[in-house]
Each structure stands twice: as structure tokens, then as C-alpha cells.
């Protein structure tokens, strides 16, 4: 069985307010071209199709047309799409039956009573146990293994078995994710690889954006990663995985196909931080014709100049690039950072003191105007609390 494994398209995502239609369209066209070239048996999209649960009608249309082009490129190919934590489960289920007429199988929910609904057969080629994102509270105990056992009962011909899941596997590399800890990534708690059952030949994972194999899986469990970066911190290569499995029990052969991005996310400088004037000069020297989203890494001794954002935007005004943000960091060698607050100390601080501390840590001047805005917000919150 030949498979294209992809995930985390995040259609509709914007970066600092900048529309990404051009690069997302380019990515989708590269997906179609790849399908046309290799004629896979299965196209597997493992969650986070959209960036938000309620995407615009335009973004939904983009996705619908993309599925149609994939189907036209290889009519016999099965397309399996599972919901991620950014997606609406019901959106994946509502048009499930019509989509199946075009070999597209949408899976948004899991059910203890009807687990067979999460099994998709690829006639003469293999089986997919498709598990969309589901919080631990709602996931039936032993669901993954139960699903694989049901597949084993049907798989009398010894065909390859693929399990798809959108989740966090403990020990994975979470580089590029903002909401990440040793226990959870993006609000999804980590599962040990053993909790996903045994009996699959390939575990196709979504949710983590960096392409990688899972340690201890003997090359059978893999995050394909996102085809386009979602943040500036995703500094690794972006691709899709092409998987071939000759028979049940055989080790999958995986190759990666890079996705070309016409709008890369560029940080200046590429490593470390520079004083404001030097960082601004790098932006001035950035090639006028080069398309890119640009972030400046700036080290500040006291505060970032109030006019910095306006100056950076003006510098990039006549360039093809899109200035996005200044990532400011205080020079800790010049001024020791105030010690971390304990919970009791935090509770004793006033809201404005916490806000001032946060601003200082990020090189932002908490001036008189910000004080006035902050005080006004506190008054509004206090009034609403009294009304309740």
C-alpha cells in the first residue's frame, strides 16, 4: 500500500494579520501534483485541516476544491481526513455520506458503541483505523487497541494496517510549539506510545509540527509535520511523508517530499539578538524583491524605542516582504532580572504591578498612557463584577 501522509494544514491561518492564501494555495497545488505523480492508494490527512473550528465559507470552499482536485488526480485513491483539535468534529461528519461517493472518508468522532465507523478499508490494499482528536475524558478506555483488534478480525488476507491519530505522544520533539510542556502540547496531554495499541504497521500522527519518528517505535510511528510553518519558531524543513508498506508485519518505507514555500518566515538576525539599530539595518538590507514574513530579534538594555514598530513598518513599506513583529529581549547582563515570584507573592501584588513587571520583562515601556488604559480596563471589570 502506498500512502501520502500529511497533517496540520491550518487552512485560514493568518500570520500577524497577513493573509496566507497565496502560499496555502501553492501548498495545495503541490499536494495535487504529488498525488498525480505517484498515484497512491491512500491520501491521509491527520487533523487540523482548519486553523479555527468555524472557518469562513471561503476557506471551506478552498478545502472542498482541494479535495476535488486530489480525487481527480487519482480517482481510485481513498482520501481519509480526521478531525484535529482545531477542527469541528460535526463539520467532518455532516457531509460524510456524500463525500464517500468520491472516495473521501471524513472522520470527526469516536464511539464506543460503533467503533467500526472508524475503520476504512482500502480494497485489496489495506485498512485504516482512523482516530480523530478526542479528549481523554471522552475517549473510551482501550479504544485504540479495540479498533486494531476489530481490524485484525477482518484482515484475513494479511494486508497492511495503518492507524491515524491526532494527539501528543510523550517524548516527542515539540520545537516550534508555544503551548508546550513535558506533559502537554497545545492543550493535548501526552500519551505513552503503548497506549495507542499494537497491531498497526504504521502509526500516522498529526498535531506536532516537526517531522519525526517516535522513539521506540522501530520506525513505525511518525509525525509527518505541517507542510507550512505556523510560527517563526518552526525553523525546520516542512514536508509530507510518502509511505510504502508491502505487507502486514513488514516495516514501512518512508521518504519525505519537501513543500516549497513562496512566503518563508524569516527572523533577523537568524541567530541571537541585536540592538535595535543593528536589527533595523538588517531589515533595511533585506532584498527588496524577496517575499517573506519578517520578525526582528531585538535586545534592549532598558526599553524598546516607542517608535520602533512604526520605523520597522516604514522600512519594509516598499519591499516585497511583510514586516510582522519585534521579538524583544532584555539584556540580562546589564540588569539582573527580578527574582521569580512565589504564588503567595504573586497574590500580594496588585494587577498593575504584575502588568508593569510583564512589560519590563518584554522590553516595553509601561508609560502614562498604558497606565490610563489599564486603569480604565480595571474599572470596567470591577463594574461588571458589581453588577453580577
Protein backbone atom coordinates (compact mmCIF):
# COMPACT_ATOMS: atom_id res chain seq x y z
CA UNK A 1 0.00 0.00 0.00
CA UNK A 2 1.34 3.42 -0.99
CA UNK A 3 0.35 6.35 1.24
CA UNK A 4 0.75 10.10 1.33
CA UNK A 5 0.74 11.13 5.00
CA UNK A 6 0.12 14.79 5.80
CA UNK A 7 -1.43 16.79 8.63
CA UNK A 8 -1.89 20.21 10.19
CA UNK A 9 -2.72 22.27 7.12
CA UNK A 10 -4.25 25.01 9.31
CA UNK A 11 -6.15 26.49 6.36
CA UNK A 12 -7.29 30.03 7.10
CA UNK A 13 -4.34 30.76 9.35
CA UNK A 14 -3.00 34.31 9.20
CA UNK A 15 0.36 35.45 10.46
CA UNK A 16 0.22 38.75 12.34
CA UNK A 17 -2.82 39.71 10.31
CA UNK A 18 -1.26 38.87 6.95
CA UNK A 19 -3.35 36.71 4.62
CA UNK A 20 -1.70 33.43 3.57
CA UNK A 21 -3.94 32.49 0.65
CA UNK A 22 -1.10 32.50 -1.89
CA UNK A 23 1.21 30.16 -0.01
CA UNK A 24 -1.61 27.86 1.11
CA UNK A 25 -2.80 27.65 -2.49
CA UNK A 26 0.74 26.79 -3.57
CA UNK A 27 0.92 24.05 -0.94
CA UNK A 28 -2.38 22.53 -2.09
CA UNK A 29 -1.25 22.55 -5.72
CA UNK A 30 1.96 20.76 -4.72
CA UNK A 31 -0.17 18.14 -2.94
CA UNK A 32 -2.21 17.62 -6.12
CA UNK A 33 0.91 17.34 -8.26
CA UNK A 34 2.41 14.76 -5.89
CA UNK A 35 -0.77 12.67 -5.99
CA UNK A 36 -0.80 12.86 -9.78
CA UNK A 37 2.82 11.73 -9.91
CA UNK A 38 2.89 8.78 -7.52
CA UNK A 39 -0.78 7.62 -7.72
CA UNK A 40 -1.07 6.46 -4.08
CA UNK A 41 -3.67 4.11 -2.69
CA UNK A 42 -4.33 6.37 0.29
CA UNK A 43 -4.12 10.09 0.99
CA UNK A 44 -4.18 10.56 4.76
CA UNK A 45 -4.79 13.97 6.36
CA UNK A 46 -4.39 13.59 10.13
CA UNK A 47 -6.22 16.56 11.64
CA UNK A 48 -6.10 20.33 11.97
CA UNK A 49 -7.40 20.84 8.47
CA UNK A 50 -8.51 24.33 9.51
CA UNK A 51 -6.96 26.76 11.95
CA UNK A 52 -10.25 27.51 13.69
CA UNK A 53 -13.34 25.40 14.34
CA UNK A 54 -15.56 27.85 12.44
CA UNK A 55 -13.62 28.71 9.26
CA UNK A 56 -15.01 31.20 6.77
CA UNK A 57 -17.07 29.98 3.82
CA UNK A 58 -14.15 30.95 1.58
CA UNK A 59 -11.69 28.76 3.48
CA UNK A 60 -14.15 25.85 3.44
CA UNK A 61 -14.52 26.28 -0.31
CA UNK A 62 -10.73 26.20 -0.72
CA UNK A 63 -10.62 22.89 1.13
CA UNK A 64 -13.54 21.40 -0.81
CA UNK A 65 -11.97 22.31 -4.14
CA UNK A 66 -8.63 20.90 -2.98
CA UNK A 67 -10.26 17.54 -2.20
CA UNK A 68 -11.92 17.53 -5.61
CA UNK A 69 -8.59 18.15 -7.35
CA UNK A 70 -6.94 15.38 -5.33
CA UNK A 71 -9.71 12.98 -6.32
CA UNK A 72 -9.46 13.96 -9.98
CA UNK A 73 -5.69 13.43 -9.89
CA UNK A 74 -6.17 9.82 -8.73
CA UNK A 75 -9.84 8.69 -8.81
CA UNK A 76 -9.16 5.25 -7.29
CA UNK A 77 -7.29 6.69 -4.30
CA UNK A 78 -9.01 6.72 -0.91
CA UNK A 79 -8.81 10.06 0.90
CA UNK A 80 -9.13 9.82 4.69
CA UNK A 81 -9.48 13.03 6.71
CA UNK A 82 -9.62 13.03 10.52
CA UNK A 83 -10.53 15.99 12.71
CA UNK A 84 -7.87 17.65 14.86
CA UNK A 85 -8.20 19.74 18.00
CA UNK A 86 -8.53 22.88 15.85
CA UNK A 87 -11.38 21.36 13.83
CA UNK A 88 -15.09 20.95 14.43
CA UNK A 89 -15.97 17.23 14.73
CA UNK A 90 -19.50 17.82 13.42
CA UNK A 91 -18.15 19.65 10.36
CA UNK A 92 -16.29 16.47 9.43
CA UNK A 93 -19.37 14.32 9.94
CA UNK A 94 -22.22 16.32 8.44
CA UNK A 95 -21.47 15.56 4.76
CA UNK A 96 -19.83 12.22 5.38
CA UNK A 97 -22.09 10.15 3.15
CA UNK A 98 -21.94 12.38 0.04
CA UNK A 99 -18.16 12.60 0.31
CA UNK A 100 -17.83 8.81 0.32
CA UNK A 101 -19.24 8.75 -3.22
CA UNK A 102 -15.96 10.43 -4.21
CA UNK A 103 -13.76 8.09 -2.13
CA UNK A 104 -13.37 10.74 0.58
CA UNK A 105 -13.85 9.48 4.14
CA UNK A 106 -14.29 12.16 6.80
CA UNK A 107 -13.98 11.14 10.46
CA UNK A 108 -14.79 13.56 13.26
CA UNK A 109 -15.91 11.49 16.24
CA UNK A 110 -15.28 8.24 18.09
CA UNK A 111 -17.95 5.98 19.52
CA UNK A 112 -17.71 3.11 21.97
CA UNK A 113 -20.93 1.69 20.54
CA UNK A 114 -19.88 1.93 16.86
CA UNK A 115 -16.08 1.74 16.64
CA UNK A 116 -16.33 0.09 13.22
CA UNK A 117 -17.25 3.52 11.84
CA UNK A 118 -13.61 4.45 12.37
CA UNK A 119 -12.32 1.63 10.14
CA UNK A 120 -11.85 2.39 6.44
CA UNK A 121 -10.97 -0.39 4.05
CA UNK A 122 -8.69 0.28 1.10
CA UNK A 123 -9.95 -2.51 -1.19
CA UNK A 124 -7.26 -5.09 -1.87
CA UNK A 125 -4.60 -2.85 -0.28
CA UNK A 126 -5.15 -2.49 3.46
CA UNK A 127 -7.04 -0.91 6.34
CA UNK A 128 -7.05 2.42 8.15
CA UNK A 129 -8.04 2.75 11.80
CA UNK A 130 -8.86 6.46 11.78
CA UNK A 131 -8.95 8.14 15.19
CA UNK A 132 -9.74 11.87 15.23
CA UNK A 133 -8.81 14.11 18.15
CA UNK A 134 -10.78 13.24 21.25
CA UNK A 135 -10.14 14.46 24.79
CA UNK A 136 -9.15 11.80 27.28
CA UNK A 137 -12.39 12.40 29.18
CA UNK A 138 -14.46 11.30 26.17
CA UNK A 139 -12.20 8.63 24.69
CA UNK A 140 -13.46 5.13 25.57
CA UNK A 141 -10.93 3.13 27.54
CA UNK A 142 -8.82 0.92 25.31
CA UNK A 143 -10.36 2.41 22.16
CA UNK A 144 -7.19 2.23 20.05
CA UNK A 145 -6.50 -1.40 20.83
CA UNK A 146 -10.16 -2.33 20.40
CA UNK A 147 -10.11 -0.73 16.96
CA UNK A 148 -6.96 -2.59 15.96
CA UNK A 149 -8.46 -5.87 17.20
CA UNK A 150 -11.52 -5.30 15.00
CA UNK A 151 -9.25 -4.64 12.03
CA UNK A 152 -7.35 -7.87 12.76
CA UNK A 153 -10.60 -9.85 12.63
CA UNK A 154 -11.33 -8.50 9.14
CA UNK A 155 -7.77 -8.63 7.83
CA UNK A 156 -7.69 -12.29 6.85
CA UNK A 157 -5.55 -11.55 3.77
CA UNK A 158 -2.69 -10.06 5.80
CA UNK A 159 -2.93 -6.59 4.28
CA UNK A 160 -1.10 -3.55 5.70
CA UNK A 161 -2.73 -1.80 8.67
CA UNK A 162 -2.43 1.95 9.29
CA UNK A 163 -3.63 3.76 12.39
CA UNK A 164 -4.16 7.53 12.21
CA UNK A 165 -4.25 9.66 15.36
CA UNK A 166 -4.16 13.37 16.21
CA UNK A 167 -2.55 13.54 19.61
CA UNK A 168 0.59 14.17 21.64
CA UNK A 169 2.92 11.22 22.12
CA UNK A 170 5.14 11.57 25.18
CA UNK A 171 8.79 12.29 24.46
CA UNK A 172 8.27 13.85 21.04
CA UNK A 173 10.18 16.93 19.89
CA UNK A 174 7.87 19.93 20.40
CA UNK A 175 10.15 22.54 18.80
CA UNK A 176 8.15 25.47 17.45
CA UNK A 177 5.11 24.98 19.68
CA UNK A 178 4.32 27.86 22.03
CA UNK A 179 1.95 25.95 24.34
CA UNK A 180 4.26 23.04 25.10
CA UNK A 181 5.50 21.35 28.25
CA UNK A 182 6.82 17.93 29.17
CA UNK A 183 3.23 16.80 29.81
CA UNK A 184 1.10 18.63 27.25
CA UNK A 185 1.29 20.29 23.83
CA UNK A 186 -1.36 22.67 22.56
CA UNK A 187 -3.80 21.53 25.24
CA UNK A 188 -3.42 17.81 24.43
CA UNK A 189 -1.88 15.69 27.19
CA UNK A 190 0.86 13.31 26.20
CA UNK A 191 0.14 9.61 25.74
CA UNK A 192 2.71 6.87 26.02
CA UNK A 193 3.18 5.13 22.68
CA UNK A 194 1.96 1.88 24.29
CA UNK A 195 -1.48 3.45 24.90
CA UNK A 196 -2.06 3.60 21.15
CA UNK A 197 -2.17 -0.17 20.92
CA UNK A 198 -0.32 -2.82 18.94
CA UNK A 199 -1.16 -4.36 15.59
CA UNK A 200 -0.55 -1.47 13.20
CA UNK A 201 2.20 -1.42 10.61
CA UNK A 202 2.35 2.36 10.54
CA UNK A 203 1.06 4.92 13.03
CA UNK A 204 0.35 8.15 11.13
CA UNK A 205 0.36 11.01 13.62
CA UNK A 206 -0.83 14.61 13.47
CA UNK A 207 -0.66 17.59 15.87
CA UNK A 208 3.11 18.02 16.37
CA UNK A 209 4.51 20.28 13.67
CA UNK A 210 8.08 18.95 13.44
CA UNK A 211 8.51 15.84 11.23
CA UNK A 212 9.89 12.97 13.31
CA UNK A 213 9.76 9.31 14.19
CA UNK A 214 8.66 8.33 17.68
CA UNK A 215 11.44 6.82 19.76
CA UNK A 216 10.89 3.16 20.49
CA UNK A 217 8.52 2.59 17.55
CA UNK A 218 11.15 0.97 15.29
CA UNK A 219 10.27 3.42 12.52
CA UNK A 220 6.55 2.57 12.60
CA UNK A 221 5.20 5.74 14.27
CA UNK A 222 5.75 9.13 12.70
CA UNK A 223 4.64 12.73 12.79
CA UNK A 224 4.73 13.98 9.20
CA UNK A 225 4.72 17.60 10.42
CA UNK A 226 2.95 20.58 8.93
CA UNK A 227 3.59 21.43 5.25
CA UNK A 228 3.81 25.15 6.07
CA UNK A 229 5.16 26.85 9.20
CA UNK A 230 2.57 28.22 11.60
CA UNK A 231 5.06 30.30 13.57
CA UNK A 232 8.51 31.86 13.22
CA UNK A 233 9.89 29.29 15.65
CA UNK A 234 9.24 26.40 13.25
CA UNK A 235 12.71 26.72 11.75
CA UNK A 236 12.90 23.14 10.45
CA UNK A 237 12.09 21.79 6.99
CA UNK A 238 8.42 21.25 6.10
CA UNK A 239 7.28 18.31 4.04
CA UNK A 240 4.87 15.42 3.53
CA UNK A 241 5.69 11.75 4.10
CA UNK A 242 5.32 9.12 1.40
CA UNK A 243 4.93 5.67 2.94
CA UNK A 244 5.05 2.23 1.34
CA UNK A 245 4.08 -0.97 3.17
CA UNK A 246 4.48 -4.24 1.30
CA UNK A 247 2.52 -6.49 3.68
CA UNK A 248 1.17 -6.73 7.20
CA UNK A 249 4.08 -7.09 9.60
CA UNK A 250 6.61 -5.53 7.26
CA UNK A 251 8.42 -2.33 8.23
CA UNK A 252 7.19 0.74 6.33
CA UNK A 253 9.49 2.52 3.90
CA UNK A 254 9.18 6.30 4.39
CA UNK A 255 10.50 9.11 2.21
CA UNK A 256 9.86 12.82 2.61
CA UNK A 257 8.91 15.30 -0.08
CA UNK A 258 9.70 18.92 0.68
CA UNK A 259 6.99 21.55 0.26
CA UNK A 260 8.24 24.75 -1.34
CA UNK A 261 7.02 27.87 0.46
CA UNK A 262 6.82 31.10 -1.57
CA UNK A 263 6.48 33.10 1.69
CA UNK A 264 9.07 31.81 4.20
CA UNK A 265 9.12 33.08 7.78
CA UNK A 266 12.45 34.86 8.32
CA UNK A 267 13.94 36.05 11.61
CA UNK A 268 16.59 38.78 11.57
CA UNK A 269 19.19 38.03 12.79
CA UNK A 270 18.87 34.31 12.08
CA UNK A 271 20.53 33.53 15.43
CA UNK A 272 20.58 35.50 18.65
CA UNK A 273 19.50 39.12 19.21
CA UNK A 274 20.87 42.51 18.15
CA UNK A 275 20.45 46.06 19.44
CA UNK A 276 17.58 47.92 17.79
CA UNK A 277 19.69 49.97 15.37
CA UNK A 278 21.56 46.91 14.10
CA UNK A 279 18.38 44.86 13.70
CA UNK A 280 16.75 47.74 11.80
CA UNK A 281 19.78 47.88 9.48
CA UNK A 282 19.35 44.19 8.70
CA UNK A 283 15.78 44.91 7.67
CA UNK A 284 16.97 47.83 5.51
CA UNK A 285 19.44 45.49 3.78
CA UNK A 286 16.86 42.76 3.22
CA UNK A 287 16.43 42.22 -0.57
CA UNK A 288 13.62 44.42 -1.88
CA UNK A 289 12.21 41.74 -4.18
CA UNK A 290 12.27 38.80 -1.73
CA UNK A 291 8.89 37.61 -0.44
CA UNK A 292 8.96 36.72 3.24
CA UNK A 293 7.37 37.32 6.61
CA UNK A 294 9.95 39.10 8.76
CA UNK A 295 10.47 39.14 12.52
CA UNK A 296 13.18 41.17 14.23
CA UNK A 297 15.00 39.79 17.27
CA UNK A 298 15.96 42.85 19.30
CA UNK A 299 17.92 43.03 22.53
CA UNK A 300 17.10 46.04 24.68
CA UNK A 301 19.02 47.49 27.61
CA UNK A 302 16.08 49.37 29.05
CA UNK A 303 13.04 49.69 26.79
CA UNK A 304 12.32 49.30 23.11
CA UNK A 305 12.02 52.75 21.48
CA UNK A 306 8.37 53.79 21.24
CA UNK A 307 8.74 54.47 17.51
CA UNK A 308 10.40 51.10 16.75
CA UNK A 309 7.35 49.36 15.26
CA UNK A 310 6.47 52.34 13.08
CA UNK A 311 10.07 52.61 11.86
CA UNK A 312 10.24 48.92 11.01
CA UNK A 313 6.93 49.04 9.15
CA UNK A 314 8.10 52.10 7.20
CA UNK A 315 11.41 50.42 6.36
CA UNK A 316 9.57 47.42 4.86
CA UNK A 317 6.89 49.51 3.16
CA UNK A 318 8.44 49.43 -0.33
CA UNK A 319 9.79 45.90 -0.06
CA UNK A 320 8.09 42.66 -1.10
CA UNK A 321 8.48 41.29 2.43
CA UNK A 322 5.86 41.71 5.15
CA UNK A 323 7.10 43.02 8.49
CA UNK A 324 5.35 41.15 11.30
CA UNK A 325 6.77 41.83 14.73
CA UNK A 326 9.65 42.70 17.00
CA UNK A 327 10.68 39.96 19.38
CA UNK A 328 12.28 41.99 22.19
CA UNK A 329 14.51 40.52 24.87
CA UNK A 330 16.07 42.37 27.79
CA UNK A 331 19.84 42.31 28.12
CA UNK A 332 20.07 40.35 31.36
CA UNK A 333 23.81 41.01 31.59
CA UNK A 334 23.16 44.71 32.07
CA UNK A 335 20.32 44.49 34.55
CA UNK A 336 19.66 41.45 36.77
CA UNK A 337 16.18 40.08 36.37
CA UNK A 338 13.89 40.38 39.37
CA UNK A 339 13.53 37.04 41.13
CA UNK A 340 10.61 34.80 40.27
CA UNK A 341 7.51 35.34 42.37
CA UNK A 342 6.07 32.62 44.54
CA UNK A 343 2.32 32.03 44.40
CA UNK A 344 1.80 33.88 47.69
CA UNK A 345 3.95 36.81 46.48
CA UNK A 346 2.05 36.89 43.21
CA UNK A 347 -1.28 37.13 45.04
CA UNK A 348 0.02 40.05 47.10
CA UNK A 349 0.95 42.08 44.03
CA UNK A 350 -1.59 44.50 42.54
CA UNK A 351 -2.72 43.92 38.94
CA UNK A 352 -0.85 47.00 37.75
CA UNK A 353 2.39 45.75 39.38
CA UNK A 354 2.05 42.43 37.53
CA UNK A 355 1.38 44.28 34.27
CA UNK A 356 4.42 46.54 34.82
CA UNK A 357 6.60 43.51 35.52
CA UNK A 358 5.38 41.73 32.39
CA UNK A 359 6.01 44.83 30.28
CA UNK A 360 9.50 45.29 31.71
CA UNK A 361 10.42 41.64 31.05
CA UNK A 362 9.43 42.16 27.41
CA UNK A 363 11.23 45.46 26.95
CA UNK A 364 8.03 47.53 26.76
CA UNK A 365 7.74 50.92 28.40
CA UNK A 366 4.69 50.94 30.67
CA UNK A 367 4.16 54.68 30.22
CA UNK A 368 1.43 57.02 31.44
CA UNK A 369 -0.84 56.20 28.51
CA UNK A 370 -0.67 52.47 29.21
CA UNK A 371 -1.37 53.16 32.88
CA UNK A 372 -4.52 55.09 31.92
CA UNK A 373 -5.72 52.29 29.60
CA UNK A 374 -5.00 49.65 32.23
CA UNK A 375 -6.85 51.60 34.94
CA UNK A 376 -9.86 52.01 32.64
CA UNK A 377 -9.99 48.27 31.94
CA UNK A 378 -9.83 47.52 35.68
CA UNK A 379 -12.75 49.90 36.28
CA UNK A 380 -14.84 48.17 33.62
CA UNK A 381 -14.10 44.74 35.10
CA UNK A 382 -14.89 46.00 38.62
CA UNK A 383 -18.23 47.50 37.46
CA UNK A 384 -19.24 44.29 35.69
CA UNK A 385 -18.38 42.26 38.79
CA UNK A 386 -20.57 44.52 40.94
CA UNK A 387 -23.50 44.16 38.50
CA UNK A 388 -23.27 40.36 38.75
